[in-house]
mmCIF file of all heavy atoms, coordinates in Angstrom:
data_MODEL
# 
_entry.id   MODEL 
# 
loop_
_atom_site.group_PDB 
_atom_site.id 
_atom_site.type_symbol 
_atom_site.label_atom_id 
_atom_site.label_alt_id 
_atom_site.label_comp_id 
_atom_site.label_asym_id 
_atom_site.label_entity_id 
_atom_site.label_seq_id 
_atom_site.pdbx_PDB_ins_code 
_atom_site.Cartn_x 
_atom_site.Cartn_y 
_atom_site.Cartn_z 
_atom_site.occupancy 
_atom_site.B_iso_or_equiv 
_atom_site.pdbx_formal_charge 
_atom_site.auth_seq_id 
_atom_site.auth_comp_id 
_atom_site.auth_asym_id 
_atom_site.auth_atom_id 
_atom_site.pdbx_PDB_model_num 
ATOM 1   N N   . ASN A 1 1  ? 0.838   -1.198 0.000   1.00 0.00 ? 1  ASN A N   1 
ATOM 2   C CA  . ASN A 1 1  ? 0.000   0.000  0.000   1.00 0.00 ? 1  ASN A CA  1 
ATOM 3   C C   . ASN A 1 1  ? 0.870   1.243  0.000   1.00 0.00 ? 1  ASN A C   1 
ATOM 4   O O   . ASN A 1 1  ? 1.775   1.379  0.800   1.00 0.00 ? 1  ASN A O   1 
ATOM 5   C CB  . ASN A 1 1  ? -0.905  0.045  1.242   1.00 0.00 ? 1  ASN A CB  1 
ATOM 6   C CG  . ASN A 1 1  ? -2.062  -0.904 1.134   1.00 0.00 ? 1  ASN A CG  1 
ATOM 7   O OD1 . ASN A 1 1  ? -2.461  -1.272 0.040   1.00 0.00 ? 1  ASN A OD1 1 
ATOM 8   N ND2 . ASN A 1 1  ? -2.602  -1.306 2.261   1.00 0.00 ? 1  ASN A ND2 1 
ATOM 9   N N   . GLU A 1 2  ? 0.566   2.166  -0.915  1.00 0.00 ? 2  GLU A N   1 
ATOM 10  C CA  . GLU A 1 2  ? 1.243   3.453  -0.943  1.00 0.00 ? 2  GLU A CA  1 
ATOM 11  C C   . GLU A 1 2  ? 0.323   4.485  -0.319  1.00 0.00 ? 2  GLU A C   1 
ATOM 12  O O   . GLU A 1 2  ? -0.886  4.332  -0.312  1.00 0.00 ? 2  GLU A O   1 
ATOM 13  C CB  . GLU A 1 2  ? 1.557   3.847  -2.388  1.00 0.00 ? 2  GLU A CB  1 
ATOM 14  C CG  . GLU A 1 2  ? 2.489   2.878  -3.095  1.00 0.00 ? 2  GLU A CG  1 
ATOM 15  C CD  . GLU A 1 2  ? 2.668   3.258  -4.547  1.00 0.00 ? 2  GLU A CD  1 
ATOM 16  O OE1 . GLU A 1 2  ? 2.811   4.463  -4.829  1.00 0.00 ? 2  GLU A OE1 1 
ATOM 17  O OE2 . GLU A 1 2  ? 2.647   2.356  -5.381  1.00 0.00 ? 2  GLU A OE2 1 
ATOM 18  N N   . ARG A 1 3  ? 0.898   5.543  0.175   1.00 0.00 ? 3  ARG A N   1 
ATOM 19  C CA  . ARG A 1 3  ? 0.100   6.598  0.796   1.00 0.00 ? 3  ARG A CA  1 
ATOM 20  C C   . ARG A 1 3  ? -0.536  7.492  -0.264  1.00 0.00 ? 3  ARG A C   1 
ATOM 21  O O   . ARG A 1 3  ? 0.051   7.765  -1.284  1.00 0.00 ? 3  ARG A O   1 
ATOM 22  C CB  . ARG A 1 3  ? 0.976   7.456  1.706   1.00 0.00 ? 3  ARG A CB  1 
ATOM 23  C CG  . ARG A 1 3  ? 1.511   6.704  2.894   1.00 0.00 ? 3  ARG A CG  1 
ATOM 24  C CD  . ARG A 1 3  ? 2.324   7.609  3.794   1.00 0.00 ? 3  ARG A CD  1 
ATOM 25  N NE  . ARG A 1 3  ? 1.550   8.693  4.338   1.00 0.00 ? 3  ARG A NE  1 
ATOM 26  C CZ  . ARG A 1 3  ? 0.750   8.618  5.390   1.00 0.00 ? 3  ARG A CZ  1 
ATOM 27  N NH1 . ARG A 1 3  ? 0.601   7.485  6.012   1.00 0.00 ? 3  ARG A NH1 1 
ATOM 28  N NH2 . ARG A 1 3  ? 0.109   9.672  5.830   1.00 0.00 ? 3  ARG A NH2 1 
ATOM 29  N N   . TYR A 1 4  ? -1.761  7.919  0.018   1.00 0.00 ? 4  TYR A N   1 
ATOM 30  C CA  . TYR A 1 4  ? -2.391  8.945  -0.808  1.00 0.00 ? 4  TYR A CA  1 
ATOM 31  C C   . TYR A 1 4  ? -1.847  10.280 -0.344  1.00 0.00 ? 4  TYR A C   1 
ATOM 32  O O   . TYR A 1 4  ? -2.002  10.640 0.824   1.00 0.00 ? 4  TYR A O   1 
ATOM 33  C CB  . TYR A 1 4  ? -3.920  8.959  -0.611  1.00 0.00 ? 4  TYR A CB  1 
ATOM 34  C CG  . TYR A 1 4  ? -4.676  8.120  -1.598  1.00 0.00 ? 4  TYR A CG  1 
ATOM 35  C CD1 . TYR A 1 4  ? -4.949  6.791  -1.343  1.00 0.00 ? 4  TYR A CD1 1 
ATOM 36  C CD2 . TYR A 1 4  ? -5.114  8.669  -2.792  1.00 0.00 ? 4  TYR A CD2 1 
ATOM 37  C CE1 . TYR A 1 4  ? -5.649  6.026  -2.256  1.00 0.00 ? 4  TYR A CE1 1 
ATOM 38  C CE2 . TYR A 1 4  ? -5.818  7.915  -3.706  1.00 0.00 ? 4  TYR A CE2 1 
ATOM 39  C CZ  . TYR A 1 4  ? -6.084  6.591  -3.431  1.00 0.00 ? 4  TYR A CZ  1 
ATOM 40  O OH  . TYR A 1 4  ? -6.783  5.850  -4.333  1.00 0.00 ? 4  TYR A OH  1 
ATOM 41  N N   . GLY A 1 5  ? -1.221  11.016 -1.214  1.00 0.00 ? 5  GLY A N   1 
ATOM 42  C CA  . GLY A 1 5  ? -0.724  12.338 -0.875  1.00 0.00 ? 5  GLY A CA  1 
ATOM 43  C C   . GLY A 1 5  ? -1.800  13.393 -1.095  1.00 0.00 ? 5  GLY A C   1 
ATOM 44  O O   . GLY A 1 5  ? -2.866  13.127 -1.660  1.00 0.00 ? 5  GLY A O   1 
ATOM 45  N N   . TRP A 1 6  ? -1.497  14.609 -0.662  1.00 0.00 ? 6  TRP A N   1 
ATOM 46  C CA  . TRP A 1 6  ? -2.455  15.709 -0.775  1.00 0.00 ? 6  TRP A CA  1 
ATOM 47  C C   . TRP A 1 6  ? -2.830  15.969 -2.227  1.00 0.00 ? 6  TRP A C   1 
ATOM 48  O O   . TRP A 1 6  ? -3.992  16.226 -2.548  1.00 0.00 ? 6  TRP A O   1 
ATOM 49  C CB  . TRP A 1 6  ? -1.882  16.956 -0.104  1.00 0.00 ? 6  TRP A CB  1 
ATOM 50  C CG  . TRP A 1 6  ? -2.913  18.003 0.145   1.00 0.00 ? 6  TRP A CG  1 
ATOM 51  C CD1 . TRP A 1 6  ? -3.072  19.174 -0.530  1.00 0.00 ? 6  TRP A CD1 1 
ATOM 52  C CD2 . TRP A 1 6  ? -3.955  17.978 1.133   1.00 0.00 ? 6  TRP A CD2 1 
ATOM 53  N NE1 . TRP A 1 6  ? -4.138  19.881 -0.030  1.00 0.00 ? 6  TRP A NE1 1 
ATOM 54  C CE2 . TRP A 1 6  ? -4.694  19.169 0.993   1.00 0.00 ? 6  TRP A CE2 1 
ATOM 55  C CE3 . TRP A 1 6  ? -4.328  17.063 2.110   1.00 0.00 ? 6  TRP A CE3 1 
ATOM 56  C CZ2 . TRP A 1 6  ? -5.786  19.466 1.800   1.00 0.00 ? 6  TRP A CZ2 1 
ATOM 57  C CZ3 . TRP A 1 6  ? -5.414  17.376 2.919   1.00 0.00 ? 6  TRP A CZ3 1 
ATOM 58  C CH2 . TRP A 1 6  ? -6.117  18.561 2.749   1.00 0.00 ? 6  TRP A CH2 1 
ATOM 59  N N   . ILE A 1 7  ? -1.864  15.894 -3.135  1.00 0.00 ? 7  ILE A N   1 
ATOM 60  C CA  . ILE A 1 7  ? -2.137  16.150 -4.552  1.00 0.00 ? 7  ILE A CA  1 
ATOM 61  C C   . ILE A 1 7  ? -3.104  15.102 -5.096  1.00 0.00 ? 7  ILE A C   1 
ATOM 62  O O   . ILE A 1 7  ? -4.047  15.429 -5.823  1.00 0.00 ? 7  ILE A O   1 
ATOM 63  C CB  . ILE A 1 7  ? -0.825  16.191 -5.365  1.00 0.00 ? 7  ILE A CB  1 
ATOM 64  C CG1 . ILE A 1 7  ? -0.023  17.432 -4.971  1.00 0.00 ? 7  ILE A CG1 1 
ATOM 65  C CG2 . ILE A 1 7  ? -1.100  16.180 -6.863  1.00 0.00 ? 7  ILE A CG2 1 
ATOM 66  C CD1 . ILE A 1 7  ? 1.374   17.488 -5.536  1.00 0.00 ? 7  ILE A CD1 1 
ATOM 67  N N   . GLU A 1 8  ? -2.893  13.843 -4.740  1.00 0.00 ? 8  GLU A N   1 
ATOM 68  C CA  . GLU A 1 8  ? -3.809  12.792 -5.192  1.00 0.00 ? 8  GLU A CA  1 
ATOM 69  C C   . GLU A 1 8  ? -5.201  12.966 -4.606  1.00 0.00 ? 8  GLU A C   1 
ATOM 70  O O   . GLU A 1 8  ? -6.200  12.742 -5.279  1.00 0.00 ? 8  GLU A O   1 
ATOM 71  C CB  . GLU A 1 8  ? -3.253  11.418 -4.812  1.00 0.00 ? 8  GLU A CB  1 
ATOM 72  C CG  . GLU A 1 8  ? -2.003  11.052 -5.584  1.00 0.00 ? 8  GLU A CG  1 
ATOM 73  C CD  . GLU A 1 8  ? -1.334  9.824  -5.013  1.00 0.00 ? 8  GLU A CD  1 
ATOM 74  O OE1 . GLU A 1 8  ? -1.013  9.839  -3.804  1.00 0.00 ? 8  GLU A OE1 1 
ATOM 75  O OE2 . GLU A 1 8  ? -1.156  8.874  -5.776  1.00 0.00 ? 8  GLU A OE2 1 
ATOM 76  N N   . LEU A 1 9  ? -5.267  13.369 -3.342  1.00 0.00 ? 9  LEU A N   1 
ATOM 77  C CA  . LEU A 1 9  ? -6.571  13.611 -2.720  1.00 0.00 ? 9  LEU A CA  1 
ATOM 78  C C   . LEU A 1 9  ? -7.282  14.779 -3.394  1.00 0.00 ? 9  LEU A C   1 
ATOM 79  O O   . LEU A 1 9  ? -8.506  14.740 -3.594  1.00 0.00 ? 9  LEU A O   1 
ATOM 80  C CB  . LEU A 1 9  ? -6.414  13.871 -1.219  1.00 0.00 ? 9  LEU A CB  1 
ATOM 81  C CG  . LEU A 1 9  ? -6.032  12.649 -0.386  1.00 0.00 ? 9  LEU A CG  1 
ATOM 82  C CD1 . LEU A 1 9  ? -5.670  13.075 1.034   1.00 0.00 ? 9  LEU A CD1 1 
ATOM 83  C CD2 . LEU A 1 9  ? -7.138  11.615 -0.372  1.00 0.00 ? 9  LEU A CD2 1 
ATOM 84  N N   . ARG A 1 10 ? -6.546  15.807 -3.766  1.00 0.00 ? 10 ARG A N   1 
ATOM 85  C CA  . ARG A 1 10 ? -7.151  16.940 -4.493  1.00 0.00 ? 10 ARG A CA  1 
ATOM 86  C C   . ARG A 1 10 ? -7.727  16.483 -5.829  1.00 0.00 ? 10 ARG A C   1 
ATOM 87  O O   . ARG A 1 10 ? -8.828  16.860 -6.203  1.00 0.00 ? 10 ARG A O   1 
ATOM 88  C CB  . ARG A 1 10 ? -6.138  18.066 -4.701  1.00 0.00 ? 10 ARG A CB  1 
ATOM 89  C CG  . ARG A 1 10 ? -5.927  18.939 -3.487  1.00 0.00 ? 10 ARG A CG  1 
ATOM 90  C CD  . ARG A 1 10 ? -4.890  20.022 -3.765  1.00 0.00 ? 10 ARG A CD  1 
ATOM 91  N NE  . ARG A 1 10 ? -5.199  20.763 -4.981  1.00 0.00 ? 10 ARG A NE  1 
ATOM 92  C CZ  . ARG A 1 10 ? -5.726  21.981 -5.014  1.00 0.00 ? 10 ARG A CZ  1 
ATOM 93  N NH1 . ARG A 1 10 ? -6.005  22.595 -3.895  1.00 0.00 ? 10 ARG A NH1 1 
ATOM 94  N NH2 . ARG A 1 10 ? -5.959  22.581 -6.158  1.00 0.00 ? 10 ARG A NH2 1 
ATOM 95  N N   . LYS A 1 11 ? -6.963  15.678 -6.549  1.00 0.00 ? 11 LYS A N   1 
ATOM 96  C CA  . LYS A 1 11 ? -7.453  15.160 -7.838  1.00 0.00 ? 11 LYS A CA  1 
ATOM 97  C C   . LYS A 1 11 ? -8.717  14.339 -7.629  1.00 0.00 ? 11 LYS A C   1 
ATOM 98  O O   . LYS A 1 11 ? -9.669  14.435 -8.401  1.00 0.00 ? 11 LYS A O   1 
ATOM 99  C CB  . LYS A 1 11 ? -6.383  14.304 -8.511  1.00 0.00 ? 11 LYS A CB  1 
ATOM 100 C CG  . LYS A 1 11 ? -5.243  15.095 -9.074  1.00 0.00 ? 11 LYS A CG  1 
ATOM 101 C CD  . LYS A 1 11 ? -4.203  14.186 -9.706  1.00 0.00 ? 11 LYS A CD  1 
ATOM 102 C CE  . LYS A 1 11 ? -3.008  14.964 -10.176 1.00 0.00 ? 11 LYS A CE  1 
ATOM 103 N NZ  . LYS A 1 11 ? -1.950  14.083 -10.699 1.00 0.00 ? 11 LYS A NZ  1 
ATOM 104 N N   . LYS A 1 12 ? -8.733  13.538 -6.590  1.00 0.00 ? 12 LYS A N   1 
ATOM 105 C CA  . LYS A 1 12 ? -9.888  12.683 -6.306  1.00 0.00 ? 12 LYS A CA  1 
ATOM 106 C C   . LYS A 1 12 ? -11.113 13.523 -5.940  1.00 0.00 ? 12 LYS A C   1 
ATOM 107 O O   . LYS A 1 12 ? -12.208 13.263 -6.436  1.00 0.00 ? 12 LYS A O   1 
ATOM 108 C CB  . LYS A 1 12 ? -9.546  11.706 -5.185  1.00 0.00 ? 12 LYS A CB  1 
ATOM 109 C CG  . LYS A 1 12 ? -10.607 10.661 -4.947  1.00 0.00 ? 12 LYS A CG  1 
ATOM 110 C CD  . LYS A 1 12 ? -10.085 9.560  -4.049  1.00 0.00 ? 12 LYS A CD  1 
ATOM 111 C CE  . LYS A 1 12 ? -11.117 8.486  -3.801  1.00 0.00 ? 12 LYS A CE  1 
ATOM 112 N NZ  . LYS A 1 12 ? -11.476 7.709  -4.979  1.00 0.00 ? 12 LYS A NZ  1 
ATOM 113 N N   . ILE A 1 13 ? -10.941 14.546 -5.105  1.00 0.00 ? 13 ILE A N   1 
ATOM 114 C CA  . ILE A 1 13 ? -12.093 15.373 -4.722  1.00 0.00 ? 13 ILE A CA  1 
ATOM 115 C C   . ILE A 1 13 ? -12.609 16.161 -5.921  1.00 0.00 ? 13 ILE A C   1 
ATOM 116 O O   . ILE A 1 13 ? -13.815 16.292 -6.118  1.00 0.00 ? 13 ILE A O   1 
ATOM 117 C CB  . ILE A 1 13 ? -11.786 16.293 -3.514  1.00 0.00 ? 13 ILE A CB  1 
ATOM 118 C CG1 . ILE A 1 13 ? -13.083 16.857 -2.912  1.00 0.00 ? 13 ILE A CG1 1 
ATOM 119 C CG2 . ILE A 1 13 ? -10.877 17.447 -3.876  1.00 0.00 ? 13 ILE A CG2 1 
ATOM 120 C CD1 . ILE A 1 13 ? -13.903 15.890 -2.167  1.00 0.00 ? 13 ILE A CD1 1 
ATOM 121 N N   . PHE A 1 14 ? -11.714 16.667 -6.771  1.00 0.00 ? 14 PHE A N   1 
ATOM 122 C CA  . PHE A 1 14 ? -12.156 17.367 -7.985  1.00 0.00 ? 14 PHE A CA  1 
ATOM 123 C C   . PHE A 1 14 ? -12.949 16.426 -8.880  1.00 0.00 ? 14 PHE A C   1 
ATOM 124 O O   . PHE A 1 14 ? -13.976 16.811 -9.450  1.00 0.00 ? 14 PHE A O   1 
ATOM 125 C CB  . PHE A 1 14 ? -10.972 17.935 -8.763  1.00 0.00 ? 14 PHE A CB  1 
ATOM 126 C CG  . PHE A 1 14 ? -10.356 19.165 -8.159  1.00 0.00 ? 14 PHE A CG  1 
ATOM 127 C CD1 . PHE A 1 14 ? -8.999  19.393 -8.292  1.00 0.00 ? 14 PHE A CD1 1 
ATOM 128 C CD2 . PHE A 1 14 ? -11.109 20.095 -7.463  1.00 0.00 ? 14 PHE A CD2 1 
ATOM 129 C CE1 . PHE A 1 14 ? -8.409  20.527 -7.750  1.00 0.00 ? 14 PHE A CE1 1 
ATOM 130 C CE2 . PHE A 1 14 ? -10.527 21.233 -6.918  1.00 0.00 ? 14 PHE A CE2 1 
ATOM 131 C CZ  . PHE A 1 14 ? -9.170  21.449 -7.068  1.00 0.00 ? 14 PHE A CZ  1 
ATOM 132 N N   . ALA A 1 15 ? -12.496 15.186 -9.014  1.00 0.00 ? 15 ALA A N   1 
ATOM 133 C CA  . ALA A 1 15 ? -13.198 14.211 -9.859  1.00 0.00 ? 15 ALA A CA  1 
ATOM 134 C C   . ALA A 1 15 ? -14.595 13.919 -9.308  1.00 0.00 ? 15 ALA A C   1 
ATOM 135 O O   . ALA A 1 15 ? -15.571 13.888 -10.063 1.00 0.00 ? 15 ALA A O   1 
ATOM 136 C CB  . ALA A 1 15 ? -12.386 12.929 -9.971  1.00 0.00 ? 15 ALA A CB  1 
ATOM 137 N N   . VAL A 1 16 ? -14.701 13.719 -8.017  1.00 0.00 ? 16 VAL A N   1 
ATOM 138 C CA  . VAL A 1 16 ? -16.000 13.440 -7.392  1.00 0.00 ? 16 VAL A CA  1 
ATOM 139 C C   . VAL A 1 16 ? -16.956 14.613 -7.597  1.00 0.00 ? 16 VAL A C   1 
ATOM 140 O O   . VAL A 1 16 ? -18.115 14.423 -7.994  1.00 0.00 ? 16 VAL A O   1 
ATOM 141 C CB  . VAL A 1 16 ? -15.829 13.127 -5.887  1.00 0.00 ? 16 VAL A CB  1 
ATOM 142 C CG1 . VAL A 1 16 ? -17.158 13.191 -5.150  1.00 0.00 ? 16 VAL A CG1 1 
ATOM 143 C CG2 . VAL A 1 16 ? -15.177 11.765 -5.700  1.00 0.00 ? 16 VAL A CG2 1 
ATOM 144 N N   . ILE A 1 17 ? -16.485 15.815 -7.336  1.00 0.00 ? 17 ILE A N   1 
ATOM 145 C CA  . ILE A 1 17 ? -17.336 16.995 -7.491  1.00 0.00 ? 17 ILE A CA  1 
ATOM 146 C C   . ILE A 1 17 ? -17.790 17.136 -8.938  1.00 0.00 ? 17 ILE A C   1 
ATOM 147 O O   . ILE A 1 17 ? -18.971 17.352 -9.217  1.00 0.00 ? 17 ILE A O   1 
ATOM 148 C CB  . ILE A 1 17 ? -16.606 18.262 -6.998  1.00 0.00 ? 17 ILE A CB  1 
ATOM 149 C CG1 . ILE A 1 17 ? -16.396 18.191 -5.484  1.00 0.00 ? 17 ILE A CG1 1 
ATOM 150 C CG2 . ILE A 1 17 ? -17.392 19.518 -7.380  1.00 0.00 ? 17 ILE A CG2 1 
ATOM 151 C CD1 . ILE A 1 17 ? -15.457 19.264 -4.938  1.00 0.00 ? 17 ILE A CD1 1 
ATOM 152 N N   . ALA A 1 18 ? -16.867 17.011 -9.885  1.00 0.00 ? 18 ALA A N   1 
ATOM 153 C CA  . ALA A 1 18 ? -17.206 17.137 -11.306 1.00 0.00 ? 18 ALA A CA  1 
ATOM 154 C C   . ALA A 1 18 ? -18.219 16.078 -11.727 1.00 0.00 ? 18 ALA A C   1 
ATOM 155 O O   . ALA A 1 18 ? -19.190 16.385 -12.437 1.00 0.00 ? 18 ALA A O   1 
ATOM 156 C CB  . ALA A 1 18 ? -15.947 17.035 -12.159 1.00 0.00 ? 18 ALA A CB  1 
ATOM 157 N N   . GLU A 1 19 ? -18.007 14.845 -11.303 1.00 0.00 ? 19 GLU A N   1 
ATOM 158 C CA  . GLU A 1 19 ? -18.929 13.764 -11.665 1.00 0.00 ? 19 GLU A CA  1 
ATOM 159 C C   . GLU A 1 19 ? -20.327 14.026 -11.130 1.00 0.00 ? 19 GLU A C   1 
ATOM 160 O O   . GLU A 1 19 ? -21.315 13.843 -11.847 1.00 0.00 ? 19 GLU A O   1 
ATOM 161 C CB  . GLU A 1 19 ? -18.415 12.426 -11.126 1.00 0.00 ? 19 GLU A CB  1 
ATOM 162 C CG  . GLU A 1 19 ? -17.201 11.912 -11.850 1.00 0.00 ? 19 GLU A CG  1 
ATOM 163 C CD  . GLU A 1 19 ? -16.509 10.763 -11.119 1.00 0.00 ? 19 GLU A CD  1 
ATOM 164 O OE1 . GLU A 1 19 ? -17.090 10.214 -10.142 1.00 0.00 ? 19 GLU A OE1 1 
ATOM 165 O OE2 . GLU A 1 19 ? -15.383 10.415 -11.512 1.00 0.00 ? 19 GLU A OE2 1 
ATOM 166 N N   . GLU A 1 20 ? -20.434 14.438 -9.891  1.00 0.00 ? 20 GLU A N   1 
ATOM 167 C CA  . GLU A 1 20 ? -21.758 14.644 -9.286  1.00 0.00 ? 20 GLU A CA  1 
ATOM 168 C C   . GLU A 1 20 ? -22.493 15.832 -9.912  1.00 0.00 ? 20 GLU A C   1 
ATOM 169 O O   . GLU A 1 20 ? -23.694 15.769 -10.132 1.00 0.00 ? 20 GLU A O   1 
ATOM 170 C CB  . GLU A 1 20 ? -21.646 14.784 -7.774  1.00 0.00 ? 20 GLU A CB  1 
ATOM 171 C CG  . GLU A 1 20 ? -21.192 13.514 -7.078  1.00 0.00 ? 20 GLU A CG  1 
ATOM 172 C CD  . GLU A 1 20 ? -22.043 12.285 -7.384  1.00 0.00 ? 20 GLU A CD  1 
ATOM 173 O OE1 . GLU A 1 20 ? -23.250 12.418 -7.679  1.00 0.00 ? 20 GLU A OE1 1 
ATOM 174 O OE2 . GLU A 1 20 ? -21.493 11.174 -7.334  1.00 0.00 ? 20 GLU A OE2 1 
ATOM 175 N N   . PHE A 1 21 ? -21.769 16.910 -10.207 1.00 0.00 ? 21 PHE A N   1 
ATOM 176 C CA  . PHE A 1 21 ? -22.431 18.042 -10.870 1.00 0.00 ? 21 PHE A CA  1 
ATOM 177 C C   . PHE A 1 21 ? -22.850 17.645 -12.283 1.00 0.00 ? 21 PHE A C   1 
ATOM 178 O O   . PHE A 1 21 ? -23.947 17.988 -12.731 1.00 0.00 ? 21 PHE A O   1 
ATOM 179 C CB  . PHE A 1 21 ? -21.532 19.279 -10.883 1.00 0.00 ? 21 PHE A CB  1 
ATOM 180 C CG  . PHE A 1 21 ? -21.689 20.137 -9.665  1.00 0.00 ? 21 PHE A CG  1 
ATOM 181 C CD1 . PHE A 1 21 ? -20.854 19.979 -8.577  1.00 0.00 ? 21 PHE A CD1 1 
ATOM 182 C CD2 . PHE A 1 21 ? -22.679 21.103 -9.593  1.00 0.00 ? 21 PHE A CD2 1 
ATOM 183 C CE1 . PHE A 1 21 ? -20.991 20.760 -7.435  1.00 0.00 ? 21 PHE A CE1 1 
ATOM 184 C CE2 . PHE A 1 21 ? -22.839 21.892 -8.464  1.00 0.00 ? 21 PHE A CE2 1 
ATOM 185 C CZ  . PHE A 1 21 ? -21.993 21.721 -7.384  1.00 0.00 ? 21 PHE A CZ  1 
ATOM 186 N N   . ALA A 1 22 ? -22.009 16.911 -12.995 1.00 0.00 ? 22 ALA A N   1 
ATOM 187 C CA  . ALA A 1 22 ? -22.333 16.513 -14.365 1.00 0.00 ? 22 ALA A CA  1 
ATOM 188 C C   . ALA A 1 22 ? -23.525 15.557 -14.404 1.00 0.00 ? 22 ALA A C   1 
ATOM 189 O O   . ALA A 1 22 ? -24.352 15.637 -15.313 1.00 0.00 ? 22 ALA A O   1 
ATOM 190 C CB  . ALA A 1 22 ? -21.112 15.870 -15.022 1.00 0.00 ? 22 ALA A CB  1 
ATOM 191 N N   . LEU A 1 23 ? -23.632 14.677 -13.421 1.00 0.00 ? 23 LEU A N   1 
ATOM 192 C CA  . LEU A 1 23 ? -24.737 13.715 -13.390 1.00 0.00 ? 23 LEU A CA  1 
ATOM 193 C C   . LEU A 1 23 ? -26.095 14.376 -13.184 1.00 0.00 ? 23 LEU A C   1 
ATOM 194 O O   . LEU A 1 23 ? -27.112 13.856 -13.642 1.00 0.00 ? 23 LEU A O   1 
ATOM 195 C CB  . LEU A 1 23 ? -24.525 12.702 -12.258 1.00 0.00 ? 23 LEU A CB  1 
ATOM 196 C CG  . LEU A 1 23 ? -23.532 11.590 -12.517 1.00 0.00 ? 23 LEU A CG  1 
ATOM 197 C CD1 . LEU A 1 23 ? -23.268 10.810 -11.233 1.00 0.00 ? 23 LEU A CD1 1 
ATOM 198 C CD2 . LEU A 1 23 ? -24.042 10.661 -13.610 1.00 0.00 ? 23 LEU A CD2 1 
ATOM 199 N N   . ARG A 1 24 ? -26.117 15.507 -12.494 1.00 0.00 ? 24 ARG A N   1 
ATOM 200 C CA  . ARG A 1 24 ? -27.394 16.096 -12.089 1.00 0.00 ? 24 ARG A CA  1 
ATOM 201 C C   . ARG A 1 24 ? -27.656 17.482 -12.667 1.00 0.00 ? 24 ARG A C   1 
ATOM 202 O O   . ARG A 1 24 ? -28.522 18.194 -12.186 1.00 0.00 ? 24 ARG A O   1 
ATOM 203 C CB  . ARG A 1 24 ? -27.456 16.160 -10.565 1.00 0.00 ? 24 ARG A CB  1 
ATOM 204 C CG  . ARG A 1 24 ? -27.509 14.794 -9.925  1.00 0.00 ? 24 ARG A CG  1 
ATOM 205 C CD  . ARG A 1 24 ? -27.394 14.884 -8.424  1.00 0.00 ? 24 ARG A CD  1 
ATOM 206 N NE  . ARG A 1 24 ? -27.534 13.588 -7.804  1.00 0.00 ? 24 ARG A NE  1 
ATOM 207 C CZ  . ARG A 1 24 ? -26.553 12.693 -7.712  1.00 0.00 ? 24 ARG A CZ  1 
ATOM 208 N NH1 . ARG A 1 24 ? -25.361 12.959 -8.206  1.00 0.00 ? 24 ARG A NH1 1 
ATOM 209 N NH2 . ARG A 1 24 ? -26.757 11.524 -7.128  1.00 0.00 ? 24 ARG A NH2 1 
ATOM 210 N N   . SER A 1 25 ? -26.882 17.877 -13.659 1.00 0.00 ? 25 SER A N   1 
ATOM 211 C CA  . SER A 1 25 ? -27.076 19.216 -14.208 1.00 0.00 ? 25 SER A CA  1 
ATOM 212 C C   . SER A 1 25 ? -26.867 19.204 -15.715 1.00 0.00 ? 25 SER A C   1 
ATOM 213 O O   . SER A 1 25 ? -26.660 18.156 -16.313 1.00 0.00 ? 25 SER A O   1 
ATOM 214 C CB  . SER A 1 25 ? -26.097 20.199 -13.550 1.00 0.00 ? 25 SER A CB  1 
ATOM 215 O OG  . SER A 1 25 ? -24.772 19.911 -13.957 1.00 0.00 ? 25 SER A OG  1 
ATOM 216 N N   . SER A 1 26 ? -26.881 20.384 -16.285 1.00 0.00 ? 26 SER A N   1 
ATOM 217 C CA  . SER A 1 26 ? -26.744 20.497 -17.736 1.00 0.00 ? 26 SER A CA  1 
ATOM 218 C C   . SER A 1 26 ? -25.303 20.765 -18.167 1.00 0.00 ? 26 SER A C   1 
ATOM 219 O O   . SER A 1 26 ? -25.073 21.180 -19.295 1.00 0.00 ? 26 SER A O   1 
ATOM 220 C CB  . SER A 1 26 ? -27.664 21.609 -18.250 1.00 0.00 ? 26 SER A CB  1 
ATOM 221 O OG  . SER A 1 26 ? -27.283 22.848 -17.676 1.00 0.00 ? 26 SER A OG  1 
ATOM 222 N N   . ILE A 1 27 ? -24.338 20.500 -17.307 1.00 0.00 ? 27 ILE A N   1 
ATOM 223 C CA  . ILE A 1 27 ? -22.936 20.703 -17.676 1.00 0.00 ? 27 ILE A CA  1 
ATOM 224 C C   . ILE A 1 27 ? -22.238 19.351 -17.766 1.00 0.00 ? 27 ILE A C   1 
ATOM 225 O O   . ILE A 1 27 ? -22.429 18.489 -16.912 1.00 0.00 ? 27 ILE A O   1 
ATOM 226 C CB  . ILE A 1 27 ? -22.201 21.635 -16.680 1.00 0.00 ? 27 ILE A CB  1 
ATOM 227 C CG1 . ILE A 1 27 ? -20.801 21.984 -17.193 1.00 0.00 ? 27 ILE A CG1 1 
ATOM 228 C CG2 . ILE A 1 27 ? -22.131 21.021 -15.287 1.00 0.00 ? 27 ILE A CG2 1 
ATOM 229 C CD1 . ILE A 1 27 ? -20.118 23.093 -16.417 1.00 0.00 ? 27 ILE A CD1 1 
ATOM 230 N N   . GLY A 1 28 ? -21.468 19.177 -18.818 1.00 0.00 ? 28 GLY A N   1 
ATOM 231 C CA  . GLY A 1 28 ? -20.711 17.945 -18.967 1.00 0.00 ? 28 GLY A CA  1 
ATOM 232 C C   . GLY A 1 28 ? -19.473 17.965 -18.080 1.00 0.00 ? 28 GLY A C   1 
ATOM 233 O O   . GLY A 1 28 ? -18.966 19.028 -17.704 1.00 0.00 ? 28 GLY A O   1 
# 
């Protein structure tokens, strides 16, 4: 197991936010 660094966590949170907004709105 490798550690999740802050940069990886930022990428992950951006991906989650983008996916959820895209799923429920008119923006891709």
